[in-house]
Protein backbone atom coordinates (compact mmCIF):
# COMPACT_ATOMS: atom_id res chain seq x y z
CA MET A 1 -7.05 -22.34 -93.14
CA ALA A 2 -6.64 -19.80 -90.41
CA ARG A 3 -3.61 -19.51 -88.33
CA THR A 4 -5.11 -19.79 -84.79
CA GLU A 5 -3.87 -19.57 -80.91
CA SER A 6 -5.17 -21.28 -77.73
CA PHE A 7 -7.56 -19.83 -76.04
CA MET A 8 -5.54 -20.42 -72.69
CA LEU A 9 -8.09 -21.94 -70.48
CA PRO A 10 -7.19 -20.47 -67.11
CA LEU A 11 -4.92 -22.40 -65.05
CA ASN A 12 -6.75 -24.40 -62.31
CA THR A 13 -9.70 -25.66 -64.52
CA GLU A 14 -10.85 -29.10 -63.82
CA ALA A 15 -10.53 -31.25 -66.68
CA PRO A 16 -13.88 -32.14 -68.42
CA ASN A 17 -14.75 -35.59 -68.56
CA PHE A 18 -15.61 -37.24 -71.98
CA SER A 19 -16.84 -40.49 -73.58
CA LEU A 20 -15.54 -40.34 -76.74
CA THR A 21 -14.68 -43.47 -79.16
CA ASN A 22 -11.55 -44.27 -79.53
CA GLY A 23 -10.35 -44.17 -83.67
CA VAL A 24 -7.81 -46.77 -83.70
CA ASP A 25 -9.87 -50.06 -81.80
CA ASN A 26 -13.56 -48.25 -82.18
CA ILE A 27 -13.74 -48.37 -78.27
CA LYS A 28 -15.39 -45.89 -76.03
CA VAL A 29 -12.89 -44.50 -73.71
CA THR A 30 -13.56 -41.93 -70.34
CA LEU A 31 -10.76 -39.40 -68.76
CA ASN A 32 -11.04 -41.42 -65.89
CA GLN A 33 -9.63 -44.67 -67.89
CA VAL A 34 -6.72 -42.52 -69.50
CA LYS A 35 -5.91 -41.16 -67.13
CA GLY A 36 -2.10 -40.93 -65.68
CA ARG A 37 -0.93 -41.62 -62.27
CA SER A 38 1.11 -37.84 -62.29
CA GLY A 39 -1.01 -35.83 -65.02
CA THR A 40 -2.58 -36.49 -68.44
CA LEU A 41 -1.94 -34.82 -71.57
CA VAL A 42 -4.95 -33.73 -73.70
CA ILE A 43 -3.80 -32.61 -77.53
CA PHE A 44 -6.36 -31.43 -79.72
CA MET A 45 -5.48 -32.50 -82.83
CA CYS A 46 -6.87 -33.67 -86.58
CA ASN A 47 -5.04 -35.62 -89.53
CA HIS A 48 -4.66 -33.23 -92.10
CA CYS A 49 -3.08 -29.96 -90.32
CA PRO A 50 0.41 -28.53 -91.23
CA TYR A 51 1.27 -27.54 -87.75
CA VAL A 52 -0.06 -31.13 -86.23
CA LEU A 53 2.01 -32.96 -89.36
CA HIS A 54 5.32 -30.62 -88.68
CA LEU A 55 4.95 -31.80 -84.89
CA LEU A 56 3.68 -35.37 -84.89
CA ASP A 57 6.45 -37.71 -85.10
CA LYS A 58 8.26 -35.76 -82.01
CA MET A 59 4.41 -35.55 -80.31
CA VAL A 60 4.44 -39.04 -80.15
CA GLU A 61 8.53 -39.59 -79.01
CA VAL A 62 7.28 -36.82 -76.66
CA SER A 63 4.40 -39.24 -75.32
CA HIS A 64 6.43 -42.01 -74.72
CA ASP A 65 9.02 -39.74 -72.57
CA ILE A 66 6.38 -38.43 -70.53
CA LYS A 67 4.65 -42.35 -70.02
CA LYS A 68 7.74 -43.28 -68.11
CA LEU A 69 7.55 -39.69 -65.73
CA GLY A 70 3.75 -41.07 -65.10
CA ILE A 71 1.60 -38.92 -67.87
CA ASN A 72 -0.30 -40.44 -70.13
CA THR A 73 -1.29 -38.52 -73.33
CA VAL A 74 -4.04 -38.51 -75.43
CA ALA A 75 -5.51 -36.99 -78.48
CA ILE A 76 -8.23 -36.26 -79.57
CA SER A 77 -10.31 -35.29 -83.33
CA SER A 78 -13.00 -32.28 -83.31
CA ASN A 79 -13.31 -31.35 -86.75
CA ASP A 80 -16.72 -31.14 -88.49
CA VAL A 81 -15.53 -34.68 -91.47
CA GLU A 82 -18.34 -33.96 -93.49
CA ASN A 83 -16.89 -30.74 -94.65
CA TYR A 84 -12.97 -31.72 -94.20
CA PRO A 85 -13.53 -35.60 -94.91
CA ASP A 86 -9.52 -36.01 -94.22
CA ASP A 87 -10.19 -36.03 -90.68
CA ARG A 88 -13.21 -38.70 -91.23
CA PRO A 89 -12.27 -42.03 -88.63
CA GLU A 90 -11.30 -44.51 -90.59
CA LEU A 91 -8.38 -41.92 -91.46
CA MET A 92 -8.03 -41.27 -88.04
CA GLN A 93 -6.94 -45.33 -87.01
CA LYS A 94 -4.59 -45.15 -90.75
CA LEU A 95 -2.74 -42.14 -89.02
CA ALA A 96 -2.65 -43.85 -85.62
CA VAL A 97 -1.30 -47.28 -87.30
CA GLU A 98 1.63 -45.72 -89.71
CA LYS A 99 2.73 -43.18 -86.67
CA SER A 100 2.96 -45.83 -84.33
CA PHE A 101 0.51 -43.95 -81.18
CA ASP A 102 0.77 -45.16 -78.01
CA PHE A 103 -2.23 -43.29 -76.60
CA PRO A 104 -5.59 -43.18 -77.56
CA TYR A 105 -6.49 -40.96 -80.90
CA LEU A 106 -10.67 -40.07 -80.06
CA PHE A 107 -13.07 -38.50 -82.15
CA ASP A 108 -15.61 -35.98 -81.16
CA PRO A 109 -18.32 -36.04 -83.74
CA THR A 110 -20.60 -33.53 -81.88
CA GLN A 111 -17.57 -31.31 -80.74
CA GLU A 112 -18.75 -30.94 -77.45
CA VAL A 113 -15.82 -32.16 -76.35
CA ALA A 114 -13.58 -29.30 -77.98
CA LEU A 115 -16.27 -26.79 -76.44
CA ALA A 116 -16.28 -28.11 -72.83
CA TYR A 117 -12.40 -27.06 -73.19
CA GLU A 118 -12.48 -24.35 -74.76
CA ALA A 119 -9.76 -25.47 -77.72
CA ALA A 120 -9.67 -23.53 -80.48
CA CYS A 121 -6.46 -24.97 -82.50
CA THR A 122 -4.89 -27.83 -83.78
CA PRO A 123 -2.68 -28.84 -81.80
CA ASP A 124 -3.82 -27.26 -78.48
CA PHE A 125 -2.25 -28.73 -75.42
CA TYR A 126 -3.52 -29.18 -72.05
CA LEU A 127 -2.01 -30.49 -69.11
CA PHE A 128 -3.53 -31.56 -65.82
CA ASP A 129 -2.30 -32.59 -62.76
CA GLN A 130 -2.93 -36.08 -60.95
CA ASN A 131 -5.95 -34.18 -59.80
CA LEU A 132 -6.90 -33.41 -63.59
CA LYS A 133 -6.52 -29.44 -62.35
CA LEU A 134 -4.82 -27.69 -65.55
CA VAL A 135 -1.14 -26.73 -64.74
CA TYR A 136 0.21 -26.24 -68.47
CA ARG A 137 -1.68 -25.22 -72.27
CA GLY A 138 1.11 -24.08 -73.84
CA ARG A 139 2.95 -24.41 -77.25
CA PHE A 140 4.65 -27.14 -77.90
CA ASP A 141 8.04 -25.66 -78.81
CA ASN A 142 8.36 -22.93 -81.29
CA ALA A 143 9.22 -25.02 -84.73
CA ARG A 144 6.64 -24.02 -87.11
CA PRO A 145 5.65 -25.67 -90.57
CA LYS A 146 7.31 -22.28 -92.04
CA ASN A 147 10.47 -21.37 -90.19
CA ASP A 148 13.75 -23.08 -89.49
CA ASN A 149 13.49 -24.19 -85.70
CA PRO A 150 14.26 -27.34 -84.36
CA ILE A 151 11.71 -29.33 -83.39
CA THR A 152 12.21 -30.31 -79.74
CA GLY A 153 8.94 -30.44 -77.94
CA LYS A 154 10.80 -27.62 -74.63
CA ASP A 155 7.96 -25.87 -73.83
CA LEU A 156 6.11 -28.91 -73.41
CA MET A 157 8.52 -31.39 -71.91
CA ASN A 158 9.79 -28.90 -69.11
CA ALA A 159 6.22 -28.56 -68.05
CA CYS A 160 5.74 -32.27 -68.02
CA GLN A 161 9.24 -32.73 -65.98
CA LYS A 162 8.33 -30.07 -63.54
CA LEU A 163 5.04 -31.41 -62.91
CA SER A 164 6.72 -34.92 -62.08
CA LYS A 165 9.05 -33.17 -59.55
CA GLY A 166 6.11 -30.97 -58.34
CA ALA A 167 8.19 -28.21 -59.16
CA ALA A 168 6.36 -24.92 -59.69
CA GLN A 169 5.06 -23.96 -63.28
CA GLU A 170 6.15 -21.11 -65.34
CA THR A 171 4.26 -18.21 -64.91
CA HIS A 172 4.46 -17.05 -68.47
CA GLN A 173 2.95 -19.72 -71.00
CA ILE A 174 3.06 -18.92 -74.51
CA PRO A 175 -0.26 -20.09 -76.87
CA SER A 176 0.03 -22.71 -78.98
CA LEU A 177 -0.79 -22.07 -83.19
CA GLY A 178 -2.34 -24.02 -85.38
CA CYS A 179 -5.18 -24.01 -88.12
CA ASN A 180 -8.26 -23.14 -86.54
CA ILE A 181 -11.04 -26.31 -85.42
CA LYS A 182 -13.11 -26.57 -88.32
CA TRP A 183 -16.05 -25.83 -86.60
CA LYS A 184 -19.97 -27.20 -87.36
CA ALA A 185 -22.35 -24.51 -88.16
CA GLY A 186 -23.92 -23.59 -85.26
CA ASN A 187 -20.91 -24.85 -82.63
CA GLU A 188 -18.53 -22.02 -83.52
CA PRO A 189 -17.31 -19.72 -80.24
CA ASN A 190 -18.16 -16.33 -80.04
CA GLY A 191 -19.17 -16.47 -83.83
CA PHE A 192 -15.75 -17.34 -84.92
CA LEU A 193 -16.27 -18.92 -88.29
CA SER A 194 -13.83 -22.12 -89.86
CA ILE A 195 -12.17 -20.98 -93.05
């Protein structure tokens, strides 16, 4: 796997719309159906990435905490499941049940949604305000699978708290870091290859 940073989509970008199937219950979900009163957190993730798995329990906890702030969470898996079968929808459902997801976990089979968001890695975090304008696209925190930093979610939580209070966001946002999205042949942005 290639260690990849977020592309860092420009702030104030409007969230691209989507209509994707929820891996948990096989029901189609749109962005407007999942958006929160105060904001919406979109996470690109997958089942097998060690960076995702390292943070996953805390990510679920944070999603629960920010729901109280009026911020809904939605996760999207865009990996090529033919070459990476660990990310198949039936295994998405299994993971969601095992980890008690209280948010939709959507499957992006064409990768069009990942391309629209210019997602680059798993996990990749996008926090949008109530008008679906991007206010944060940085890291969860500084914990990684091979360091001893505590998993707190402090960077993302700080952005969510600022959003809920109407406070200005940090101008310096640090990219997320994870495995590259596993692109289908021909979908690689700027010739970026999945490894």
